[in-house]
C-alpha cells in the first residue's frame, strides 16, 4: 500500500499471519511496483521509483529492493527509459528468445514496449485510464494549483495458452469529453491483447466494451484458465463513489 505525505510517497508492506494482515515493513519512501523477472508467474521482485515534487515519478530512476537483515533495502539500479512510471507496467516474455521486455502505459496513455532502454514499440492508440490518482500542489504566480497524476491498472502478463509466450492484457478505458480541466471522464472500458507478430507488435481488442471502467484484471487458474475483471461504475458527475462488479470469464 502507498500514501502521499508531506515528504512525498510513503509505501508500506502488509503480510498475512494467522489469517490476519499485519504491518511487515513501513517507511519506504519510494513508489513500489512488483514484477516477475524470471518468468515463473510470481511477482517476486520489487522495484522502487522515488517521488518527485513536480513530476511525481522521478524520471529514469528505478532501483531494485532486496531483503537485508530481515528488511527490504534499495540495492542496484534498474535500466528503464526516462519516461517510465511505476504504474501500469509489467515485465513480459513476448517471444521465444527468452528476452523479457518492459510493457507500460506512459504519461500520454500510449502503450510502450522497451528492452532495458531500447525503444521497441509505441501503440498507435491510447490505452489505460483511471480515476485513481495522487495529487501535488504547485504555486504559480502566487496561485496554488493542484495537479493530478493518475495510477494505471497493471497489465496482465501471463502465458495463458501454454505456448511459452506471455499474453499481455491491457486495460483500455474510452475517454469522453469533459468540460472540467484535469477531470477524467470515461464512457466505458474494454480489454486489449498485446502480441508480437512476424512484422512487429500488434494491439487488438478481445472483449466488448463494459458499462463502466475496468480497474483490474487477474487470471484464475483452471482448464481453460479464466479472467476475473473488475468493472467500476462511477456515481455522480465527478466520479466519486460508485459500485464495482466482478466478472468471471472462461478463456476458450
C-alpha atoms as a PDB file:
ATOM      1  CA  UNK A   1       0.000   0.000   0.000  1.00  0.00           C
ATOM      2  CA  UNK A   2       1.091   3.606  -0.541  1.00  0.00           C
ATOM      3  CA  UNK A   3       0.108   7.004   0.763  1.00  0.00           C
ATOM      4  CA  UNK A   4       1.239  10.550  -0.012  1.00  0.00           C
ATOM      5  CA  UNK A   5       2.819  12.508   2.816  1.00  0.00           C
ATOM      6  CA  UNK A   6       4.464  15.915   3.039  1.00  0.00           C
ATOM      7  CA  UNK A   7       7.864  14.482   2.097  1.00  0.00           C
ATOM      8  CA  UNK A   8       6.471  12.513  -0.827  1.00  0.00           C
ATOM      9  CA  UNK A   9       5.230   8.967  -1.179  1.00  0.00           C
ATOM     10  CA  UNK A  10       5.451   6.531   1.729  1.00  0.00           C
ATOM     11  CA  UNK A  11       4.922   2.850   0.961  1.00  0.00           C
ATOM     12  CA  UNK A  12       4.328   0.061   3.421  1.00  0.00           C
ATOM     13  CA  UNK A  13       4.032  -3.711   3.051  1.00  0.00           C
ATOM     14  CA  UNK A  14       1.455  -5.935   4.731  1.00  0.00           C
ATOM     15  CA  UNK A  15       1.866  -9.658   5.447  1.00  0.00           C
ATOM     16  CA  UNK A  16      -0.687 -12.367   6.213  1.00  0.00           C
ATOM     17  CA  UNK A  17      -0.026 -14.007   9.596  1.00  0.00           C
ATOM     18  CA  UNK A  18      -2.504 -16.228  11.432  1.00  0.00           C
ATOM     19  CA  UNK A  19      -5.158 -15.210   8.878  1.00  0.00           C
ATOM     20  CA  UNK A  20      -4.661 -11.541   9.738  1.00  0.00           C
ATOM     21  CA  UNK A  21      -2.978  -8.711   7.869  1.00  0.00           C
ATOM     22  CA  UNK A  22      -0.114  -7.200   9.840  1.00  0.00           C
ATOM     23  CA  UNK A  23       2.407  -4.478   9.039  1.00  0.00           C
ATOM     24  CA  UNK A  24       5.600  -6.140   7.812  1.00  0.00           C
ATOM     25  CA  UNK A  25       7.551  -3.038   6.839  1.00  0.00           C
ATOM     26  CA  UNK A  26       6.837   0.664   6.595  1.00  0.00           C
ATOM     27  CA  UNK A  27       8.599   3.952   5.879  1.00  0.00           C
ATOM     28  CA  UNK A  28       9.688   3.061   2.346  1.00  0.00           C
ATOM     29  CA  UNK A  29       9.864   6.390   0.544  1.00  0.00           C
ATOM     30  CA  UNK A  30       9.554   5.036  -2.991  1.00  0.00           C
ATOM     31  CA  UNK A  31       6.637   4.203  -5.281  1.00  0.00           C
ATOM     32  CA  UNK A  32       6.707   0.394  -5.348  1.00  0.00           C
ATOM     33  CA  UNK A  33       5.981  -1.988  -8.207  1.00  0.00           C
ATOM     34  CA  UNK A  34       6.132  -5.811  -8.077  1.00  0.00           C
ATOM     35  CA  UNK A  35       7.396  -7.525 -11.255  1.00  0.00           C
ATOM     36  CA  UNK A  36       8.077 -11.062 -12.487  1.00  0.00           C
ATOM     37  CA  UNK A  37      11.751 -11.112 -13.552  1.00  0.00           C
ATOM     38  CA  UNK A  38      12.257 -14.858 -14.174  1.00  0.00           C
ATOM     39  CA  UNK A  39       9.007 -15.823 -15.924  1.00  0.00           C
ATOM     40  CA  UNK A  40       7.817 -18.192 -13.188  1.00  0.00           C
ATOM     41  CA  UNK A  41       4.470 -16.431 -12.903  1.00  0.00           C
ATOM     42  CA  UNK A  42       5.268 -14.928  -9.488  1.00  0.00           C
ATOM     43  CA  UNK A  43       5.967 -11.223  -8.973  1.00  0.00           C
ATOM     44  CA  UNK A  44       8.750 -11.797  -6.507  1.00  0.00           C
ATOM     45  CA  UNK A  45      10.916  -8.790  -7.421  1.00  0.00           C
ATOM     46  CA  UNK A  46      10.221  -5.325  -6.081  1.00  0.00           C
ATOM     47  CA  UNK A  47      11.133  -2.112  -7.885  1.00  0.00           C
ATOM     48  CA  UNK A  48      11.047   1.333  -6.334  1.00  0.00           C
ATOM     49  CA  UNK A  49      10.847   4.728  -8.047  1.00  0.00           C
ATOM     50  CA  UNK A  50      11.483   7.867  -5.979  1.00  0.00           C
ATOM     51  CA  UNK A  51       8.812  10.538  -5.691  1.00  0.00           C
ATOM     52  CA  UNK A  52       9.431  13.881  -7.436  1.00  0.00           C
ATOM     53  CA  UNK A  53       7.866  17.057  -6.040  1.00  0.00           C
ATOM     54  CA  UNK A  54       6.985  18.389  -9.515  1.00  0.00           C
ATOM     55  CA  UNK A  55       6.739  15.392 -11.866  1.00  0.00           C
ATOM     56  CA  UNK A  56       5.535  12.867  -9.240  1.00  0.00           C
ATOM     57  CA  UNK A  57       7.566   9.998 -10.804  1.00  0.00           C
ATOM     58  CA  UNK A  58      11.315  10.736 -10.845  1.00  0.00           C
ATOM     59  CA  UNK A  59      12.328  10.167 -14.476  1.00  0.00           C
ATOM     60  CA  UNK A  60      14.520   7.167 -15.237  1.00  0.00           C
ATOM     61  CA  UNK A  61      15.322   6.449 -11.584  1.00  0.00           C
ATOM     62  CA  UNK A  62      14.331   2.931 -10.541  1.00  0.00           C
ATOM     63  CA  UNK A  63      16.085   0.622  -8.093  1.00  0.00           C
ATOM     64  CA  UNK A  64      15.531  -2.957  -7.055  1.00  0.00           C
ATOM     65  CA  UNK A  65      14.787  -3.800  -3.430  1.00  0.00           C
ATOM     66  CA  UNK A  66      16.393  -6.800  -1.742  1.00  0.00           C
ATOM     67  CA  UNK A  67      15.998  -8.240   1.787  1.00  0.00           C
ATOM     68  CA  UNK A  68      18.867  -7.201   4.068  1.00  0.00           C
ATOM     69  CA  UNK A  69      18.840  -8.267   7.738  1.00  0.00           C
ATOM     70  CA  UNK A  70      15.136  -9.047   7.563  1.00  0.00           C
ATOM     71  CA  UNK A  71      14.081  -5.801   5.872  1.00  0.00           C
ATOM     72  CA  UNK A  72      13.850  -4.607   2.283  1.00  0.00           C
ATOM     73  CA  UNK A  73      16.562  -2.161   1.259  1.00  0.00           C
ATOM     74  CA  UNK A  74      17.186  -0.429  -2.112  1.00  0.00           C
ATOM     75  CA  UNK A  75      20.073  -2.045  -3.995  1.00  0.00           C
ATOM     76  CA  UNK A  76      21.139  -1.921  -7.647  1.00  0.00           C
ATOM     77  CA  UNK A  77      19.657   0.405 -10.236  1.00  0.00           C
ATOM     78  CA  UNK A  78      17.311  -0.952 -12.914  1.00  0.00           C
ATOM     79  CA  UNK A  79      17.719   0.089 -16.551  1.00  0.00           C
ATOM     80  CA  UNK A  80      14.464   1.752 -17.594  1.00  0.00           C
ATOM     81  CA  UNK A  81      13.609   4.501 -20.119  1.00  0.00           C
ATOM     82  CA  UNK A  82      13.339   8.072 -18.876  1.00  0.00           C
ATOM     83  CA  UNK A  83       9.531   8.161 -19.380  1.00  0.00           C
ATOM     84  CA  UNK A  84       8.933   5.036 -17.276  1.00  0.00           C
ATOM     85  CA  UNK A  85       6.457   5.350 -14.421  1.00  0.00           C
ATOM     86  CA  UNK A  86       5.970   2.745 -11.704  1.00  0.00           C
ATOM     87  CA  UNK A  87       2.321   2.260 -12.591  1.00  0.00           C
ATOM     88  CA  UNK A  88       0.539   0.382 -15.372  1.00  0.00           C
ATOM     89  CA  UNK A  89       3.699  -1.657 -16.003  1.00  0.00           C
ATOM     90  CA  UNK A  90       4.755  -5.311 -16.252  1.00  0.00           C
ATOM     91  CA  UNK A  91       7.613  -7.476 -17.489  1.00  0.00           C
ATOM     92  CA  UNK A  92       6.643  -9.976 -20.191  1.00  0.00           C
ATOM     93  CA  UNK A  93       8.159 -12.700 -22.366  1.00  0.00           C
ATOM     94  CA  UNK A  94       6.744 -11.779 -25.773  1.00  0.00           C
ATOM     95  CA  UNK A  95       8.868 -14.110 -27.932  1.00  0.00           C
ATOM     96  CA  UNK A  96      10.595 -17.483 -27.798  1.00  0.00           C
ATOM     97  CA  UNK A  97      14.082 -15.961 -27.471  1.00  0.00           C
ATOM     98  CA  UNK A  98      13.630 -15.689 -23.691  1.00  0.00           C
ATOM     99  CA  UNK A  99      14.091 -11.914 -23.677  1.00  0.00           C
ATOM    100  CA  UNK A 100      11.903 -10.153 -21.147  1.00  0.00           C
ATOM    101  CA  UNK A 101      10.507  -6.817 -22.226  1.00  0.00           C
ATOM    102  CA  UNK A 102       9.060  -3.953 -20.243  1.00  0.00           C
ATOM    103  CA  UNK A 103       5.468  -3.045 -21.109  1.00  0.00           C
ATOM    104  CA  UNK A 104       3.967   0.111 -19.595  1.00  0.00           C
ATOM    105  CA  UNK A 105       1.475   2.921 -20.087  1.00  0.00           C
ATOM    106  CA  UNK A 106       3.222   6.280 -20.468  1.00  0.00           C
ATOM    107  CA  UNK A 107       2.002   9.700 -19.331  1.00  0.00           C
ATOM    108  CA  UNK A 108       0.229  10.241 -22.679  1.00  0.00           C
ATOM    109  CA  UNK A 109      -1.670   6.955 -22.257  1.00  0.00           C
ATOM    110  CA  UNK A 110       0.263   5.202 -25.010  1.00  0.00           C
ATOM    111  CA  UNK A 111       1.381   1.612 -24.519  1.00  0.00           C
ATOM    112  CA  UNK A 112       5.174   1.286 -24.747  1.00  0.00           C
ATOM    113  CA  UNK A 113       7.439  -1.742 -25.165  1.00  0.00           C
ATOM    114  CA  UNK A 114      11.105  -1.477 -24.160  1.00  0.00           C
ATOM    115  CA  UNK A 115      14.060  -3.796 -23.645  1.00  0.00           C
ATOM    116  CA  UNK A 116      16.100  -2.016 -20.974  1.00  0.00           C
ATOM    117  CA  UNK A 117      16.335   1.441 -22.613  1.00  0.00           C
ATOM    118  CA  UNK A 118      15.789   0.259 -26.192  1.00  0.00           C
ATOM    119  CA  UNK A 119      12.512   1.585 -27.597  1.00  0.00           C
ATOM    120  CA  UNK A 120      10.779  -1.299 -29.410  1.00  0.00           C
ATOM    121  CA  UNK A 121       7.209  -0.102 -29.983  1.00  0.00           C
ATOM    122  CA  UNK A 122       4.587   2.534 -29.229  1.00  0.00           C
ATOM    123  CA  UNK A 123       0.870   1.928 -29.645  1.00  0.00           C
ATOM    124  CA  UNK A 124      -0.963   3.974 -32.287  1.00  0.00           C
ATOM    125  CA  UNK A 125      -3.941   4.486 -29.967  1.00  0.00           C
ATOM    126  CA  UNK A 126      -4.420   5.353 -26.321  1.00  0.00           C
ATOM    127  CA  UNK A 127      -4.921   2.755 -23.586  1.00  0.00           C
ATOM    128  CA  UNK A 128      -5.257   2.782 -19.808  1.00  0.00           C
ATOM    129  CA  UNK A 129      -7.310   5.369 -17.985  1.00  0.00           C
ATOM    130  CA  UNK A 130      -8.126   5.527 -14.294  1.00  0.00           C
ATOM    131  CA  UNK A 131      -9.898   7.528 -11.573  1.00  0.00           C
ATOM    132  CA  UNK A 132      -7.141   6.696  -9.040  1.00  0.00           C
ATOM    133  CA  UNK A 133      -4.589   9.459  -8.684  1.00  0.00           C
ATOM    134  CA  UNK A 134      -2.087  11.211  -6.483  1.00  0.00           C
ATOM    135  CA  UNK A 135      -2.055  14.988  -6.287  1.00  0.00           C
ATOM    136  CA  UNK A 136       0.660  17.584  -5.779  1.00  0.00           C
ATOM    137  CA  UNK A 137       0.407  21.322  -5.216  1.00  0.00           C
ATOM    138  CA  UNK A 138       2.449  23.972  -7.005  1.00  0.00           C
ATOM    139  CA  UNK A 139       2.473  27.729  -6.537  1.00  0.00           C
ATOM    140  CA  UNK A 140       2.290  29.560  -9.865  1.00  0.00           C
ATOM    141  CA  UNK A 141       2.161  33.377  -9.779  1.00  0.00           C
ATOM    142  CA  UNK A 142       1.076  33.213  -6.120  1.00  0.00           C
ATOM    143  CA  UNK A 143      -1.787  30.885  -7.006  1.00  0.00           C
ATOM    144  CA  UNK A 144      -1.768  27.398  -5.504  1.00  0.00           C
ATOM    145  CA  UNK A 145      -2.703  24.867  -8.184  1.00  0.00           C
ATOM    146  CA  UNK A 146      -3.285  21.147  -7.830  1.00  0.00           C
ATOM    147  CA  UNK A 147      -2.067  18.659 -10.440  1.00  0.00           C
ATOM    148  CA  UNK A 148      -3.272  15.039 -10.505  1.00  0.00           C
ATOM    149  CA  UNK A 149      -1.060  12.099 -11.530  1.00  0.00           C
ATOM    150  CA  UNK A 150      -3.081   9.037 -12.402  1.00  0.00           C
ATOM    151  CA  UNK A 151      -2.259   5.430 -11.468  1.00  0.00           C
ATOM    152  CA  UNK A 152      -2.941   2.885 -14.199  1.00  0.00           C
ATOM    153  CA  UNK A 153      -4.195  -0.674 -13.878  1.00  0.00           C
ATOM    154  CA  UNK A 154      -1.367  -3.242 -14.022  1.00  0.00           C
ATOM    155  CA  UNK A 155      -1.319  -5.202 -17.321  1.00  0.00           C
ATOM    156  CA  UNK A 156      -1.791  -8.955 -17.005  1.00  0.00           C
ATOM    157  CA  UNK A 157       1.360 -10.600 -18.431  1.00  0.00           C
ATOM    158  CA  UNK A 158       0.995 -14.377 -18.296  1.00  0.00           C
ATOM    159  CA  UNK A 159       1.223 -17.434 -20.546  1.00  0.00           C
ATOM    160  CA  UNK A 160      -2.445 -18.344 -20.717  1.00  0.00           C
ATOM    161  CA  UNK A 161      -2.353 -20.914 -23.542  1.00  0.00           C
ATOM    162  CA  UNK A 162       0.817 -22.833 -22.635  1.00  0.00           C
ATOM    163  CA  UNK A 163       2.886 -21.917 -25.705  1.00  0.00           C
ATOM    164  CA  UNK A 164       5.755 -20.429 -23.676  1.00  0.00           C
ATOM    165  CA  UNK A 165       4.933 -16.841 -24.673  1.00  0.00           C
ATOM    166  CA  UNK A 166       3.108 -14.366 -22.467  1.00  0.00           C
ATOM    167  CA  UNK A 167      -0.211 -12.884 -23.385  1.00  0.00           C
ATOM    168  CA  UNK A 168      -0.342  -9.255 -22.244  1.00  0.00           C
ATOM    169  CA  UNK A 169      -3.842  -7.981 -21.491  1.00  0.00           C
ATOM    170  CA  UNK A 170      -4.135  -4.218 -21.170  1.00  0.00           C
ATOM    171  CA  UNK A 171      -6.993  -2.111 -19.814  1.00  0.00           C
ATOM    172  CA  UNK A 172      -8.342   0.354 -22.377  1.00  0.00           C
ATOM    173  CA  UNK A 173     -10.875   2.769 -20.931  1.00  0.00           C
ATOM    174  CA  UNK A 174     -12.520   5.023 -23.531  1.00  0.00           C
ATOM    175  CA  UNK A 175     -12.308   8.740 -22.729  1.00  0.00           C
ATOM    176  CA  UNK A 176     -15.279  11.030 -23.174  1.00  0.00           C
ATOM    177  CA  UNK A 177     -15.347  14.813 -23.409  1.00  0.00           C
ATOM    178  CA  UNK A 178     -15.181  16.758 -20.141  1.00  0.00           C
ATOM    179  CA  UNK A 179     -15.856  20.452 -19.527  1.00  0.00           C
ATOM    180  CA  UNK A 180     -13.761  20.430 -16.337  1.00  0.00           C
ATOM    181  CA  UNK A 181      -9.932  20.676 -16.734  1.00  0.00           C
ATOM    182  CA  UNK A 182      -7.910  17.703 -15.379  1.00  0.00           C
ATOM    183  CA  UNK A 183     -11.110  15.732 -14.777  1.00  0.00           C
ATOM    184  CA  UNK A 184     -11.098  12.229 -16.229  1.00  0.00           C
ATOM    185  CA  UNK A 185     -14.381  11.073 -17.772  1.00  0.00           C
ATOM    186  CA  UNK A 186     -14.904   7.671 -19.426  1.00  0.00           C
ATOM    187  CA  UNK A 187     -17.687   6.137 -21.448  1.00  0.00           C
ATOM    188  CA  UNK A 188     -16.647   2.546 -20.647  1.00  0.00           C
ATOM    189  CA  UNK A 189     -13.751   0.139 -20.791  1.00  0.00           C
ATOM    190  CA  UNK A 190     -12.503  -2.908 -22.680  1.00  0.00           C
ATOM    191  CA  UNK A 191      -9.509  -5.250 -22.749  1.00  0.00           C
ATOM    192  CA  UNK A 192      -6.845  -5.275 -25.475  1.00  0.00           C
ATOM    193  CA  UNK A 193      -4.295  -8.010 -26.256  1.00  0.00           C
ATOM    194  CA  UNK A 194      -0.661  -7.154 -26.996  1.00  0.00           C
ATOM    195  CA  UNK A 195       1.298  -9.733 -29.014  1.00  0.00           C
ATOM    196  CA  UNK A 196       4.460  -9.892 -31.071  1.00  0.00           C
ATOM    197  CA  UNK A 197       3.881 -10.784 -34.721  1.00  0.00           C
ATOM    198  CA  UNK A 198       6.342 -11.567 -37.519  1.00  0.00           C
ATOM    199  CA  UNK A 199       6.172  -7.931 -38.619  1.00  0.00           C
ATOM    200  CA  UNK A 200       6.223  -6.351 -35.163  1.00  0.00           C
ATOM    201  CA  UNK A 201       3.788  -5.775 -32.311  1.00  0.00           C
ATOM    202  CA  UNK A 202       0.026  -5.534 -32.501  1.00  0.00           C
ATOM    203  CA  UNK A 203      -2.700  -4.449 -30.093  1.00  0.00           C
ATOM    204  CA  UNK A 204      -6.224  -5.716 -30.666  1.00  0.00           C
ATOM    205  CA  UNK A 205      -9.445  -5.699 -28.592  1.00  0.00           C
ATOM    206  CA  UNK A 206     -10.572  -9.059 -27.167  1.00  0.00           C
ATOM    207  CA  UNK A 207     -13.611  -8.036 -25.132  1.00  0.00           C
ATOM    208  CA  UNK A 208     -16.767  -5.971 -25.600  1.00  0.00           C
ATOM    209  CA  UNK A 209     -16.933  -2.559 -24.010  1.00  0.00           C
ATOM    210  CA  UNK A 210     -18.188  -2.772 -20.433  1.00  0.00           C
ATOM    211  CA  UNK A 211     -20.666  -0.344 -18.904  1.00  0.00           C
ATOM    212  CA  UNK A 212     -18.069   1.117 -16.569  1.00  0.00           C
ATOM    213  CA  UNK A 213     -14.298   1.459 -16.415  1.00  0.00           C
ATOM    214  CA  UNK A 214     -12.034  -1.556 -15.896  1.00  0.00           C
ATOM    215  CA  UNK A 215      -9.876  -1.166 -12.789  1.00  0.00           C
ATOM    216  CA  UNK A 216      -8.071  -4.521 -12.826  1.00  0.00           C
ATOM    217  CA  UNK A 217      -7.601  -7.959 -14.407  1.00  0.00           C
ATOM    218  CA  UNK A 218      -6.246 -11.193 -12.918  1.00  0.00           C
ATOM    219  CA  UNK A 219      -6.012 -14.733 -14.264  1.00  0.00           C
ATOM    220  CA  UNK A 220      -7.760 -17.574 -12.428  1.00  0.00           C
ATOM    221  CA  UNK A 221      -6.039 -20.988 -12.836  1.00  0.00           C
ATOM    222  CA  UNK A 222      -8.022 -23.758 -14.480  1.00  0.00           C
ATOM    223  CA  UNK A 223      -8.547 -25.694 -17.698  1.00  0.00           C
ATOM    224  CA  UNK A 224      -9.132 -23.482 -19.519  1.00  0.00           C
ATOM    225  CA  UNK A 225      -7.986 -20.525 -17.377  1.00  0.00           C
ATOM    226  CA  UNK A 226     -10.360 -17.668 -16.645  1.00  0.00           C
ATOM    227  CA  UNK A 227     -10.188 -13.912 -16.297  1.00  0.00           C
ATOM    228  CA  UNK A 228     -11.527 -12.025 -13.290  1.00  0.00           C
ATOM    229  CA  UNK A 229     -12.333  -8.472 -14.374  1.00  0.00           C
ATOM    230  CA  UNK A 230     -13.188  -5.608 -12.012  1.00  0.00           C
ATOM    231  CA  UNK A 231     -15.554  -3.066 -13.601  1.00  0.00           C
ATOM    232  CA  UNK A 232     -16.379   0.145 -11.736  1.00  0.00           C
ATOM    233  CA  UNK A 233     -19.457   2.240 -12.446  1.00  0.00           C
ATOM    234  CA  UNK A 234     -18.765   5.742 -11.055  1.00  0.00           C
ATOM    235  CA  UNK A 235     -21.529   7.713  -9.355  1.00  0.00           C
ATOM    236  CA  UNK A 236     -22.127  11.402  -9.963  1.00  0.00           C
ATOM    237  CA  UNK A 237     -20.555  13.884 -12.343  1.00  0.00           C
ATOM    238  CA  UNK A 238     -17.178  13.903 -10.594  1.00  0.00           C
ATOM    239  CA  UNK A 239     -16.907  10.116 -10.460  1.00  0.00           C
ATOM    240  CA  UNK A 240     -16.777   9.924  -6.661  1.00  0.00           C
ATOM    241  CA  UNK A 241     -18.059   6.674  -5.196  1.00  0.00           C
ATOM    242  CA  UNK A 242     -19.982   4.099  -7.176  1.00  0.00           C
ATOM    243  CA  UNK A 243     -20.111   0.323  -7.407  1.00  0.00           C
ATOM    244  CA  UNK A 244     -17.632  -2.320  -8.584  1.00  0.00           C
ATOM    245  CA  UNK A 245     -18.735  -5.572 -10.225  1.00  0.00           C
ATOM    246  CA  UNK A 246     -16.507  -8.626 -10.739  1.00  0.00           C
ATOM    247  CA  UNK A 247     -16.934 -10.554 -13.998  1.00  0.00           C
ATOM    248  CA  UNK A 248     -15.581 -14.087 -14.402  1.00  0.00           C
ATOM    249  CA  UNK A 249     -14.963 -15.153 -17.991  1.00  0.00           C
ATOM    250  CA  UNK A 250     -13.524 -18.501 -19.144  1.00  0.00           C
ATOM    251  CA  UNK A 251     -10.996 -18.358 -21.973  1.00  0.00           C
ATOM    252  CA  UNK A 252     -11.813 -20.679 -24.874  1.00  0.00           C
END
